[in-house]
Every structure is written in structure tokens, then in C-alpha cells.
Amino acid sequence: MTHNIYLYILVMAGVTYLIRMLPLALSKKEITSNYIKSFLYYVPYACLAAMTFPAILYATASIYSALAGLVTAVIAAYRGKSLLIVALAACAAVFIAERILPFIQ
């Protein structure tokens, strides 16, 4: 299982590197298009999100506790909290949801 994680990270790094490197290697001039610059800027974030989102939903004992942690993290991040606060809030939400869910179901 842990080998898959390393494979995912390696693939993400390779794809991110190639997408950023190829335009620079194929073009001798500076990239002036704002569209292409913004596309290249957001590629690492998109790759990371696409690889981690499925893992978020299946990392806990219940999909409901995973959704509680995800919603908590999104709200905290949207409010501009630091990465540490977002992670701690999501962990706390999952912990609380895991403790409450057996009594609800």
C-alpha cells in the first residue's frame, strides 16, 4: 500500500515537471501569455488535489467522518487559516465524528 503512495508522488512530480519544462524547452522566447502562465502555475495544485481527494474520502472508518473532516478543512481554508490550523481542525472533526457516529447509526 505504501508503495502506491510513492508511485503517486513520483507520477505527480513527473507530470508536473514535464508540463512546466516542455514549454520552456520547446520555446526559445519568454512566455508572455497570461493564460499559459496561469495554467502552468496551477498544474502542481491540480495534480496534488486530484491524487489526494480520493484518499481523503477513504482514509477513515466511515465516509461520513471523512466528509466531516473535508468540510471542516474547506471552511477553515476558505477563512484563510494556516495549514496547521486547517489540518488540526480537520483531524478534530474526524475524531469527533468517529466517536459520535456509532451512537447515531
N, C-alpha and C. Protein backbone atom coordinates (compact mmCIF):
# COMPACT_ATOMS: atom_id res chain seq x y z
N MET A 1 0.83 -1.20 0.00
CA MET A 1 0.00 0.00 0.00
C MET A 1 0.87 1.26 0.00
N THR A 2 1.94 1.26 0.79
CA THR A 2 2.78 2.46 0.84
C THR A 2 3.55 2.66 -0.45
N HIS A 3 3.77 1.57 -1.19
CA HIS A 3 4.45 1.71 -2.48
C HIS A 3 3.59 2.49 -3.47
N ASN A 4 2.27 2.33 -3.36
CA ASN A 4 1.37 3.09 -4.22
C ASN A 4 1.48 4.58 -3.96
N ILE A 5 1.62 4.95 -2.72
CA ILE A 5 1.74 6.37 -2.37
C ILE A 5 3.00 6.95 -3.00
N TYR A 6 4.09 6.25 -2.91
CA TYR A 6 5.33 6.73 -3.51
C TYR A 6 5.21 6.80 -5.03
N LEU A 7 4.51 5.84 -5.60
CA LEU A 7 4.28 5.86 -7.05
C LEU A 7 3.44 7.08 -7.43
N TYR A 8 2.41 7.38 -6.66
CA TYR A 8 1.57 8.55 -6.93
C TYR A 8 2.39 9.83 -6.86
N ILE A 9 3.22 9.93 -5.85
CA ILE A 9 4.05 11.13 -5.69
C ILE A 9 5.03 11.25 -6.85
N LEU A 10 5.62 10.14 -7.25
CA LEU A 10 6.56 10.14 -8.37
C LEU A 10 5.86 10.54 -9.68
N VAL A 11 4.68 10.01 -9.92
CA VAL A 11 3.93 10.36 -11.13
C VAL A 11 3.55 11.84 -11.11
N MET A 12 3.08 12.32 -9.96
CA MET A 12 2.72 13.73 -9.85
C MET A 12 3.94 14.62 -10.12
N ALA A 13 5.08 14.26 -9.57
CA ALA A 13 6.29 15.06 -9.78
C ALA A 13 6.69 15.03 -11.25
N GLY A 14 6.61 13.86 -11.88
CA GLY A 14 6.97 13.76 -13.28
C GLY A 14 6.05 14.55 -14.19
N VAL A 15 4.75 14.42 -13.96
CA VAL A 15 3.79 15.16 -14.79
C VAL A 15 3.95 16.66 -14.59
N THR A 16 4.08 17.07 -13.35
CA THR A 16 4.25 18.49 -13.06
C THR A 16 5.52 19.03 -13.70
N TYR A 17 6.59 18.27 -13.59
CA TYR A 17 7.86 18.71 -14.17
C TYR A 17 7.77 18.80 -15.68
N LEU A 18 7.21 17.77 -16.30
CA LEU A 18 7.13 17.76 -17.77
C LEU A 18 6.25 18.90 -18.29
N ILE A 19 5.13 19.14 -17.65
CA ILE A 19 4.24 20.20 -18.12
C ILE A 19 4.90 21.56 -17.97
N ARG A 20 5.68 21.73 -16.95
CA ARG A 20 6.36 23.02 -16.77
C ARG A 20 7.63 23.12 -17.61
N MET A 21 8.31 22.00 -17.82
CA MET A 21 9.58 22.02 -18.52
C MET A 21 9.43 22.06 -20.03
N LEU A 22 8.46 21.34 -20.58
CA LEU A 22 8.32 21.25 -22.03
C LEU A 22 8.13 22.60 -22.72
N PRO A 23 7.27 23.47 -22.26
CA PRO A 23 7.17 24.78 -22.93
C PRO A 23 8.47 25.56 -22.88
N LEU A 24 9.19 25.44 -21.80
CA LEU A 24 10.47 26.15 -21.69
C LEU A 24 11.52 25.54 -22.61
N ALA A 25 11.49 24.23 -22.76
CA ALA A 25 12.47 23.56 -23.61
C ALA A 25 12.15 23.74 -25.10
N LEU A 26 10.87 23.82 -25.41
CA LEU A 26 10.47 23.92 -26.82
C LEU A 26 10.42 25.36 -27.32
N SER A 27 10.37 26.29 -26.42
CA SER A 27 10.25 27.70 -26.80
C SER A 27 11.52 28.45 -26.41
N LYS A 28 12.03 29.22 -27.33
CA LYS A 28 13.24 30.00 -27.04
C LYS A 28 12.89 31.38 -26.46
N LYS A 29 11.65 31.81 -26.71
CA LYS A 29 11.23 33.13 -26.24
C LYS A 29 10.56 33.02 -24.87
N GLU A 30 10.46 34.14 -24.19
CA GLU A 30 9.77 34.19 -22.91
C GLU A 30 8.28 34.03 -23.13
N ILE A 31 7.63 33.31 -22.22
CA ILE A 31 6.18 33.11 -22.33
C ILE A 31 5.50 34.38 -21.84
N THR A 32 4.72 34.98 -22.73
CA THR A 32 4.05 36.24 -22.38
C THR A 32 2.56 36.08 -22.19
N SER A 33 2.00 34.97 -22.60
CA SER A 33 0.56 34.74 -22.48
C SER A 33 0.19 34.52 -21.01
N ASN A 34 -0.71 35.35 -20.52
CA ASN A 34 -1.16 35.20 -19.13
C ASN A 34 -1.91 33.89 -18.93
N TYR A 35 -2.63 33.44 -19.95
CA TYR A 35 -3.36 32.17 -19.87
C TYR A 35 -2.41 31.00 -19.66
N ILE A 36 -1.37 30.93 -20.45
CA ILE A 36 -0.40 29.84 -20.34
C ILE A 36 0.36 29.93 -19.01
N LYS A 37 0.71 31.14 -18.60
CA LYS A 37 1.40 31.30 -17.31
C LYS A 37 0.52 30.83 -16.15
N SER A 38 -0.76 31.20 -16.16
CA SER A 38 -1.64 30.78 -15.08
C SER A 38 -1.87 29.28 -15.12
N PHE A 39 -1.96 28.70 -16.33
CA PHE A 39 -2.11 27.25 -16.46
C PHE A 39 -0.91 26.54 -15.84
N LEU A 40 0.27 26.97 -16.16
CA LEU A 40 1.48 26.34 -15.63
C LEU A 40 1.61 26.55 -14.13
N TYR A 41 1.10 27.66 -13.63
CA TYR A 41 1.18 27.94 -12.19
C TYR A 41 0.30 26.98 -11.38
N TYR A 42 -0.89 26.66 -11.90
CA TYR A 42 -1.84 25.84 -11.13
C TYR A 42 -1.71 24.34 -11.37
N VAL A 43 -0.86 23.90 -12.25
CA VAL A 43 -0.71 22.47 -12.52
C VAL A 43 -0.32 21.67 -11.27
N PRO A 44 0.66 22.09 -10.48
CA PRO A 44 1.01 21.29 -9.30
C PRO A 44 -0.15 21.15 -8.31
N TYR A 45 -0.92 22.22 -8.14
CA TYR A 45 -2.04 22.17 -7.21
C TYR A 45 -3.13 21.24 -7.72
N ALA A 46 -3.39 21.27 -9.01
CA ALA A 46 -4.41 20.40 -9.61
C ALA A 46 -4.00 18.93 -9.51
N CYS A 47 -2.74 18.64 -9.78
CA CYS A 47 -2.26 17.26 -9.68
C CYS A 47 -2.35 16.74 -8.25
N LEU A 48 -1.92 17.55 -7.33
CA LEU A 48 -1.97 17.14 -5.92
C LEU A 48 -3.40 16.93 -5.45
N ALA A 49 -4.29 17.83 -5.83
CA ALA A 49 -5.70 17.69 -5.43
C ALA A 49 -6.32 16.45 -6.05
N ALA A 50 -6.03 16.18 -7.30
CA ALA A 50 -6.61 15.01 -7.97
C ALA A 50 -6.13 13.71 -7.35
N MET A 51 -4.94 13.71 -6.81
CA MET A 51 -4.41 12.48 -6.22
C MET A 51 -4.81 12.32 -4.76
N THR A 52 -4.98 13.41 -4.02
CA THR A 52 -5.29 13.28 -2.60
C THR A 52 -6.78 13.23 -2.30
N PHE A 53 -7.61 13.80 -3.17
CA PHE A 53 -9.05 13.84 -2.87
C PHE A 53 -9.66 12.45 -2.66
N PRO A 54 -9.40 11.47 -3.54
CA PRO A 54 -9.97 10.14 -3.28
C PRO A 54 -9.47 9.53 -1.96
N ALA A 55 -8.22 9.79 -1.62
CA ALA A 55 -7.67 9.25 -0.38
C ALA A 55 -8.35 9.86 0.84
N ILE A 56 -8.75 11.11 0.74
CA ILE A 56 -9.44 11.77 1.85
C ILE A 56 -10.73 11.03 2.19
N LEU A 57 -11.46 10.62 1.17
CA LEU A 57 -12.77 10.01 1.40
C LEU A 57 -12.68 8.59 1.95
N TYR A 58 -11.56 7.92 1.78
CA TYR A 58 -11.45 6.54 2.24
C TYR A 58 -10.40 6.35 3.34
N ALA A 59 -9.94 7.43 3.93
CA ALA A 59 -8.89 7.32 4.95
C ALA A 59 -9.45 7.05 6.35
N THR A 60 -10.75 7.18 6.51
CA THR A 60 -11.35 6.98 7.83
C THR A 60 -12.23 5.74 7.81
N ALA A 61 -12.80 5.42 8.96
CA ALA A 61 -13.63 4.23 9.06
C ALA A 61 -14.99 4.43 8.39
N SER A 62 -15.40 5.67 8.22
CA SER A 62 -16.71 5.96 7.65
C SER A 62 -16.60 7.12 6.67
N ILE A 63 -17.39 7.06 5.61
CA ILE A 63 -17.40 8.16 4.65
C ILE A 63 -17.94 9.44 5.29
N TYR A 64 -18.81 9.29 6.28
CA TYR A 64 -19.39 10.46 6.94
C TYR A 64 -18.36 11.22 7.78
N SER A 65 -17.50 10.50 8.45
CA SER A 65 -16.45 11.19 9.21
C SER A 65 -15.44 11.83 8.24
N ALA A 66 -15.20 11.18 7.12
CA ALA A 66 -14.30 11.77 6.12
C ALA A 66 -14.90 13.05 5.56
N LEU A 67 -16.19 13.05 5.28
CA LEU A 67 -16.85 14.26 4.80
C LEU A 67 -16.86 15.36 5.85
N ALA A 68 -17.00 14.99 7.11
CA ALA A 68 -16.95 15.99 8.19
C ALA A 68 -15.57 16.66 8.22
N GLY A 69 -14.52 15.87 8.10
CA GLY A 69 -13.18 16.43 8.07
C GLY A 69 -12.93 17.27 6.84
N LEU A 70 -13.42 16.82 5.68
CA LEU A 70 -13.25 17.56 4.43
C LEU A 70 -13.96 18.90 4.49
N VAL A 71 -15.21 18.89 4.93
CA VAL A 71 -15.97 20.14 5.01
C VAL A 71 -15.33 21.11 6.01
N THR A 72 -14.88 20.59 7.14
CA THR A 72 -14.20 21.42 8.13
C THR A 72 -12.93 22.03 7.55
N ALA A 73 -12.15 21.23 6.84
CA ALA A 73 -10.90 21.73 6.24
C ALA A 73 -11.18 22.79 5.19
N VAL A 74 -12.19 22.57 4.36
CA VAL A 74 -12.51 23.55 3.32
C VAL A 74 -12.97 24.87 3.93
N ILE A 75 -13.80 24.80 4.96
CA ILE A 75 -14.27 26.02 5.62
C ILE A 75 -13.11 26.76 6.27
N ALA A 76 -12.25 26.05 6.98
CA ALA A 76 -11.11 26.69 7.64
C ALA A 76 -10.15 27.30 6.61
N ALA A 77 -9.91 26.58 5.51
CA ALA A 77 -9.02 27.12 4.48
C ALA A 77 -9.65 28.33 3.80
N TYR A 78 -10.95 28.28 3.56
CA TYR A 78 -11.64 29.41 2.92
C TYR A 78 -11.57 30.66 3.79
N ARG A 79 -11.56 30.46 5.10
CA ARG A 79 -11.47 31.60 6.03
C ARG A 79 -10.04 32.10 6.20
N GLY A 80 -9.09 31.49 5.50
CA GLY A 80 -7.72 31.97 5.50
C GLY A 80 -6.87 31.49 6.66
N LYS A 81 -7.26 30.40 7.29
CA LYS A 81 -6.48 29.86 8.40
C LYS A 81 -5.20 29.22 7.87
N SER A 82 -4.22 29.08 8.74
CA SER A 82 -2.94 28.49 8.34
C SER A 82 -3.11 26.99 8.10
N LEU A 83 -2.14 26.41 7.42
CA LEU A 83 -2.19 24.99 7.10
C LEU A 83 -2.27 24.14 8.37
N LEU A 84 -1.55 24.52 9.40
CA LEU A 84 -1.58 23.78 10.65
C LEU A 84 -2.98 23.80 11.27
N ILE A 85 -3.61 24.95 11.29
CA ILE A 85 -4.95 25.07 11.86
C ILE A 85 -5.95 24.27 11.02
N VAL A 86 -5.83 24.32 9.71
CA VAL A 86 -6.73 23.56 8.83
C VAL A 86 -6.59 22.06 9.12
N ALA A 87 -5.35 21.58 9.20
CA ALA A 87 -5.12 20.16 9.45
C ALA A 87 -5.62 19.74 10.83
N LEU A 88 -5.35 20.55 11.84
CA LEU A 88 -5.82 20.21 13.19
C LEU A 88 -7.33 20.23 13.28
N ALA A 89 -7.97 21.19 12.64
CA ALA A 89 -9.43 21.27 12.67
C ALA A 89 -10.04 20.07 11.96
N ALA A 90 -9.47 19.67 10.83
CA ALA A 90 -9.98 18.50 10.11
C ALA A 90 -9.80 17.23 10.93
N CYS A 91 -8.66 17.09 11.57
CA CYS A 91 -8.41 15.92 12.42
C CYS A 91 -9.38 15.89 13.59
N ALA A 92 -9.62 17.04 14.20
CA ALA A 92 -10.56 17.11 15.31
C ALA A 92 -11.97 16.76 14.86
N ALA A 93 -12.37 17.24 13.69
CA ALA A 93 -13.71 16.93 13.17
C ALA A 93 -13.86 15.44 12.91
N VAL A 94 -12.85 14.82 12.34
CA VAL A 94 -12.90 13.37 12.10
C VAL A 94 -12.95 12.61 13.41
N PHE A 95 -12.14 13.03 14.37
CA PHE A 95 -12.11 12.36 15.67
C PHE A 95 -13.48 12.42 16.34
N ILE A 96 -14.08 13.60 16.35
CA ILE A 96 -15.40 13.77 16.97
C ILE A 96 -16.45 12.96 16.21
N ALA A 97 -16.41 13.03 14.89
CA ALA A 97 -17.39 12.28 14.09
C ALA A 97 -17.26 10.78 14.31
N GLU A 98 -16.03 10.29 14.40
CA GLU A 98 -15.82 8.86 14.64
C GLU A 98 -16.37 8.43 16.01
N ARG A 99 -16.34 9.32 16.98
CA ARG A 99 -16.85 9.00 18.31
C ARG A 99 -18.37 9.08 18.36
N ILE A 100 -18.97 9.96 17.57
CA ILE A 100 -20.42 10.17 17.60
C ILE A 100 -21.16 9.17 16.70
N LEU A 101 -20.60 8.83 15.56
CA LEU A 101 -21.27 8.00 14.57
C LEU A 101 -21.79 6.66 15.09
N PRO A 102 -21.07 5.95 15.94
CA PRO A 102 -21.62 4.66 16.41
C PRO A 102 -22.93 4.81 17.17
N PHE A 103 -23.14 5.95 17.80
CA PHE A 103 -24.38 6.17 18.54
C PHE A 103 -25.53 6.58 17.63
N ILE A 104 -25.21 7.15 16.50
CA ILE A 104 -26.24 7.61 15.56
C ILE A 104 -26.71 6.46 14.67
N GLN A 105 -25.80 5.63 14.25
CA GLN A 105 -26.15 4.56 13.30
C GLN A 105 -26.73 3.37 13.97
